[in-house]
Amino acid sequence: MLKWIRIQPELATLRVVILTSSDETRDVSAAYQLGANSFLIKPLDFERFVEFSQAMGGYWLWSNEVPESSQAPEKNLLSEVEIRRRPSRF
């Protein structure tokens, strides 16, 4: 799937995060060689997974800078901000 994503011109700036339970060196290497932006090993414990998910959401939605061509139009960006401010179900 990652290989296919990276050959699609309209998806050129899509951020791809691999979330897996594998910590195999070959899997990490293959993911980055195919164009992954990040490779994360998910916690198996539910509580830790929830904490992990919230931290990653904060990073990708609030801290990460994106190229201009992949930024949403202002109208859509405002909608995203409103959605992010809603209380989490967790």
N, C-alpha and C. Protein backbone atom coordinates (compact mmCIF):
# COMPACT_ATOMS: atom_id res chain seq x y z
N MET A 1 0.83 -1.19 0.00
CA MET A 1 0.00 0.00 0.00
C MET A 1 0.87 1.26 0.00
N LEU A 2 1.90 1.26 0.83
CA LEU A 2 2.79 2.42 0.92
C LEU A 2 3.47 2.70 -0.42
N LYS A 3 3.90 1.66 -1.07
CA LYS A 3 4.54 1.83 -2.39
C LYS A 3 3.56 2.48 -3.37
N TRP A 4 2.30 2.04 -3.36
CA TRP A 4 1.28 2.60 -4.25
C TRP A 4 1.03 4.07 -3.91
N ILE A 5 0.91 4.39 -2.62
CA ILE A 5 0.67 5.77 -2.20
C ILE A 5 1.76 6.69 -2.73
N ARG A 6 3.01 6.26 -2.62
CA ARG A 6 4.13 7.11 -3.01
C ARG A 6 4.26 7.34 -4.52
N ILE A 7 3.59 6.55 -5.34
CA ILE A 7 3.65 6.80 -6.79
C ILE A 7 2.45 7.60 -7.29
N GLN A 8 1.54 7.96 -6.40
CA GLN A 8 0.38 8.78 -6.77
C GLN A 8 0.74 10.25 -6.66
N PRO A 9 0.76 10.99 -7.77
CA PRO A 9 1.16 12.41 -7.71
C PRO A 9 0.31 13.24 -6.75
N GLU A 10 -0.99 12.97 -6.69
CA GLU A 10 -1.87 13.77 -5.82
C GLU A 10 -1.66 13.45 -4.33
N LEU A 11 -0.92 12.40 -4.03
CA LEU A 11 -0.64 12.04 -2.64
C LEU A 11 0.82 12.30 -2.26
N ALA A 12 1.51 13.07 -3.06
CA ALA A 12 2.94 13.27 -2.87
C ALA A 12 3.31 13.82 -1.50
N THR A 13 2.48 14.66 -0.92
CA THR A 13 2.80 15.25 0.38
C THR A 13 2.02 14.61 1.53
N LEU A 14 1.32 13.53 1.26
CA LEU A 14 0.57 12.83 2.31
C LEU A 14 1.55 12.29 3.36
N ARG A 15 1.27 12.58 4.61
CA ARG A 15 2.10 12.04 5.70
C ARG A 15 1.65 10.63 6.00
N VAL A 16 2.60 9.69 5.96
CA VAL A 16 2.27 8.29 6.20
C VAL A 16 3.00 7.84 7.46
N VAL A 17 2.22 7.38 8.43
CA VAL A 17 2.76 6.88 9.68
C VAL A 17 2.44 5.39 9.75
N ILE A 18 3.47 4.59 9.92
CA ILE A 18 3.27 3.16 10.09
C ILE A 18 3.08 2.90 11.57
N LEU A 19 1.95 2.33 11.94
CA LEU A 19 1.64 1.99 13.32
C LEU A 19 1.51 0.48 13.39
N THR A 20 2.41 -0.15 14.09
CA THR A 20 2.50 -1.60 14.08
C THR A 20 2.94 -2.14 15.42
N SER A 21 2.84 -3.44 15.59
CA SER A 21 3.37 -4.08 16.79
C SER A 21 4.75 -4.68 16.52
N SER A 22 5.22 -4.58 15.28
CA SER A 22 6.51 -5.14 14.90
C SER A 22 7.65 -4.20 15.28
N ASP A 23 8.70 -4.78 15.83
CA ASP A 23 9.90 -3.99 16.08
C ASP A 23 11.09 -4.57 15.30
N GLU A 24 10.77 -5.32 14.26
CA GLU A 24 11.79 -5.93 13.42
C GLU A 24 12.55 -4.86 12.64
N THR A 25 13.85 -4.89 12.68
CA THR A 25 14.69 -3.92 11.98
C THR A 25 14.38 -3.90 10.49
N ARG A 26 14.14 -5.05 9.91
CA ARG A 26 13.86 -5.11 8.46
C ARG A 26 12.54 -4.40 8.12
N ASP A 27 11.54 -4.48 9.03
CA ASP A 27 10.26 -3.79 8.80
C ASP A 27 10.43 -2.28 8.87
N VAL A 28 11.21 -1.82 9.84
CA VAL A 28 11.49 -0.39 9.97
C VAL A 28 12.20 0.10 8.72
N SER A 29 13.25 -0.59 8.31
CA SER A 29 14.01 -0.19 7.13
C SER A 29 13.15 -0.18 5.88
N ALA A 30 12.34 -1.22 5.70
CA ALA A 30 11.49 -1.31 4.51
C ALA A 30 10.49 -0.16 4.47
N ALA A 31 9.90 0.17 5.61
CA ALA A 31 8.92 1.25 5.66
C ALA A 31 9.55 2.57 5.23
N TYR A 32 10.72 2.89 5.76
CA TYR A 32 11.37 4.15 5.40
C TYR A 32 11.84 4.14 3.94
N GLN A 33 12.32 3.00 3.46
CA GLN A 33 12.73 2.92 2.05
C GLN A 33 11.56 3.13 1.11
N LEU A 34 10.37 2.74 1.53
CA LEU A 34 9.17 2.91 0.70
C LEU A 34 8.52 4.28 0.87
N GLY A 35 9.05 5.11 1.78
CA GLY A 35 8.56 6.47 1.88
C GLY A 35 7.75 6.80 3.12
N ALA A 36 7.78 5.96 4.14
CA ALA A 36 7.06 6.29 5.38
C ALA A 36 7.69 7.52 6.02
N ASN A 37 6.88 8.34 6.65
CA ASN A 37 7.37 9.51 7.38
C ASN A 37 7.70 9.18 8.83
N SER A 38 7.10 8.12 9.33
CA SER A 38 7.34 7.74 10.71
C SER A 38 6.98 6.26 10.88
N PHE A 39 7.66 5.60 11.81
CA PHE A 39 7.41 4.19 12.10
C PHE A 39 7.24 4.09 13.61
N LEU A 40 6.04 3.77 14.07
CA LEU A 40 5.75 3.75 15.49
C LEU A 40 5.30 2.36 15.92
N ILE A 41 5.83 1.94 17.06
CA ILE A 41 5.42 0.65 17.62
C ILE A 41 4.36 0.93 18.66
N LYS A 42 3.17 0.40 18.42
CA LYS A 42 2.04 0.70 19.29
C LYS A 42 2.13 -0.09 20.60
N PRO A 43 1.74 0.54 21.68
CA PRO A 43 1.68 -0.17 22.96
C PRO A 43 0.57 -1.22 22.92
N LEU A 44 0.79 -2.34 23.57
CA LEU A 44 -0.21 -3.40 23.57
C LEU A 44 -1.24 -3.21 24.68
N ASP A 45 -0.88 -2.49 25.72
CA ASP A 45 -1.78 -2.20 26.83
C ASP A 45 -2.76 -1.10 26.40
N PHE A 46 -4.07 -1.28 26.64
CA PHE A 46 -5.08 -0.34 26.16
C PHE A 46 -4.88 1.07 26.71
N GLU A 47 -4.65 1.20 28.01
CA GLU A 47 -4.46 2.53 28.59
C GLU A 47 -3.27 3.26 27.98
N ARG A 48 -2.17 2.54 27.81
CA ARG A 48 -0.99 3.14 27.19
C ARG A 48 -1.26 3.49 25.73
N PHE A 49 -2.06 2.66 25.05
CA PHE A 49 -2.40 2.95 23.65
C PHE A 49 -3.21 4.23 23.54
N VAL A 50 -4.15 4.44 24.46
CA VAL A 50 -4.95 5.67 24.46
C VAL A 50 -4.04 6.87 24.68
N GLU A 51 -3.15 6.81 25.66
CA GLU A 51 -2.20 7.90 25.91
C GLU A 51 -1.32 8.15 24.69
N PHE A 52 -0.84 7.09 24.11
CA PHE A 52 -0.01 7.15 22.91
C PHE A 52 -0.76 7.83 21.77
N SER A 53 -2.01 7.44 21.56
CA SER A 53 -2.83 8.01 20.49
C SER A 53 -3.05 9.51 20.69
N GLN A 54 -3.31 9.91 21.90
CA GLN A 54 -3.52 11.33 22.19
C GLN A 54 -2.24 12.12 21.95
N ALA A 55 -1.11 11.57 22.37
CA ALA A 55 0.17 12.25 22.15
C ALA A 55 0.48 12.37 20.67
N MET A 56 0.23 11.32 19.90
CA MET A 56 0.51 11.37 18.46
C MET A 56 -0.44 12.34 17.77
N GLY A 57 -1.69 12.36 18.19
CA GLY A 57 -2.65 13.31 17.63
C GLY A 57 -2.19 14.73 17.85
N GLY A 58 -1.72 15.01 19.04
CA GLY A 58 -1.20 16.34 19.36
C GLY A 58 -0.01 16.69 18.50
N TYR A 59 0.88 15.75 18.32
CA TYR A 59 2.07 16.00 17.51
C TYR A 59 1.69 16.29 16.06
N TRP A 60 0.96 15.39 15.43
CA TRP A 60 0.66 15.53 14.01
C TRP A 60 -0.32 16.68 13.73
N LEU A 61 -1.23 16.95 14.62
CA LEU A 61 -2.22 17.99 14.36
C LEU A 61 -1.78 19.38 14.79
N TRP A 62 -0.96 19.48 15.83
CA TRP A 62 -0.60 20.79 16.37
C TRP A 62 0.85 21.17 16.16
N SER A 63 1.78 20.24 16.21
CA SER A 63 3.20 20.58 16.20
C SER A 63 3.86 20.41 14.84
N ASN A 64 3.43 19.47 14.06
CA ASN A 64 4.10 19.16 12.81
C ASN A 64 3.82 20.24 11.76
N GLU A 65 4.86 20.66 11.06
CA GLU A 65 4.72 21.61 9.96
C GLU A 65 4.59 20.83 8.66
N VAL A 66 3.74 21.31 7.77
CA VAL A 66 3.52 20.64 6.48
C VAL A 66 3.87 21.58 5.34
N PRO A 67 4.22 21.01 4.18
CA PRO A 67 4.48 21.86 3.02
C PRO A 67 3.23 22.62 2.62
N GLU A 68 3.39 23.80 2.05
CA GLU A 68 2.25 24.63 1.67
C GLU A 68 1.27 23.90 0.77
N SER A 69 1.77 23.09 -0.15
CA SER A 69 0.88 22.42 -1.10
C SER A 69 -0.04 21.40 -0.45
N SER A 70 0.29 20.94 0.77
CA SER A 70 -0.58 19.94 1.40
C SER A 70 -1.47 20.53 2.48
N GLN A 71 -1.38 21.84 2.71
CA GLN A 71 -2.24 22.45 3.72
C GLN A 71 -3.66 22.58 3.20
N ALA A 72 -4.58 22.37 4.08
CA ALA A 72 -5.99 22.48 3.71
C ALA A 72 -6.35 23.94 3.49
N PRO A 73 -7.32 24.21 2.63
CA PRO A 73 -7.79 25.58 2.48
C PRO A 73 -8.27 26.10 3.84
N GLU A 74 -8.26 27.41 4.01
CA GLU A 74 -8.58 28.01 5.30
C GLU A 74 -9.93 27.54 5.84
N LYS A 75 -10.94 27.43 4.98
CA LYS A 75 -12.26 27.01 5.43
C LYS A 75 -12.19 25.61 6.06
N ASN A 76 -11.51 24.67 5.40
CA ASN A 76 -11.39 23.32 5.93
C ASN A 76 -10.55 23.29 7.19
N LEU A 77 -9.50 24.11 7.25
CA LEU A 77 -8.64 24.15 8.41
C LEU A 77 -9.43 24.58 9.65
N LEU A 78 -10.31 25.54 9.50
CA LEU A 78 -11.12 25.96 10.63
C LEU A 78 -12.02 24.83 11.10
N SER A 79 -12.55 24.07 10.20
CA SER A 79 -13.39 22.93 10.58
C SER A 79 -12.57 21.92 11.36
N GLU A 80 -11.33 21.67 10.94
CA GLU A 80 -10.47 20.73 11.64
C GLU A 80 -10.19 21.21 13.05
N VAL A 81 -9.94 22.50 13.21
CA VAL A 81 -9.65 23.05 14.53
C VAL A 81 -10.85 22.87 15.44
N GLU A 82 -12.03 23.14 14.93
CA GLU A 82 -13.23 22.96 15.73
C GLU A 82 -13.39 21.50 16.16
N ILE A 83 -13.13 20.59 15.27
CA ILE A 83 -13.24 19.16 15.58
C ILE A 83 -12.23 18.78 16.65
N ARG A 84 -11.00 19.28 16.54
CA ARG A 84 -9.96 18.94 17.50
C ARG A 84 -10.26 19.46 18.90
N ARG A 85 -11.04 20.50 19.02
CA ARG A 85 -11.35 21.07 20.32
C ARG A 85 -12.46 20.33 21.04
N ARG A 86 -13.15 19.46 20.34
CA ARG A 86 -14.21 18.69 20.97
C ARG A 86 -13.61 17.72 21.98
N PRO A 87 -14.29 17.47 23.06
CA PRO A 87 -13.76 16.53 24.07
C PRO A 87 -13.60 15.13 23.50
N SER A 88 -12.56 14.48 23.92
CA SER A 88 -12.30 13.09 23.51
C SER A 88 -13.27 12.17 24.21
N ARG A 89 -13.56 11.04 23.59
CA ARG A 89 -14.42 10.05 24.20
C ARG A 89 -13.68 9.24 25.26
N PHE A 90 -12.35 9.36 25.31
CA PHE A 90 -11.57 8.54 26.24
C PHE A 90 -11.39 9.22 27.53
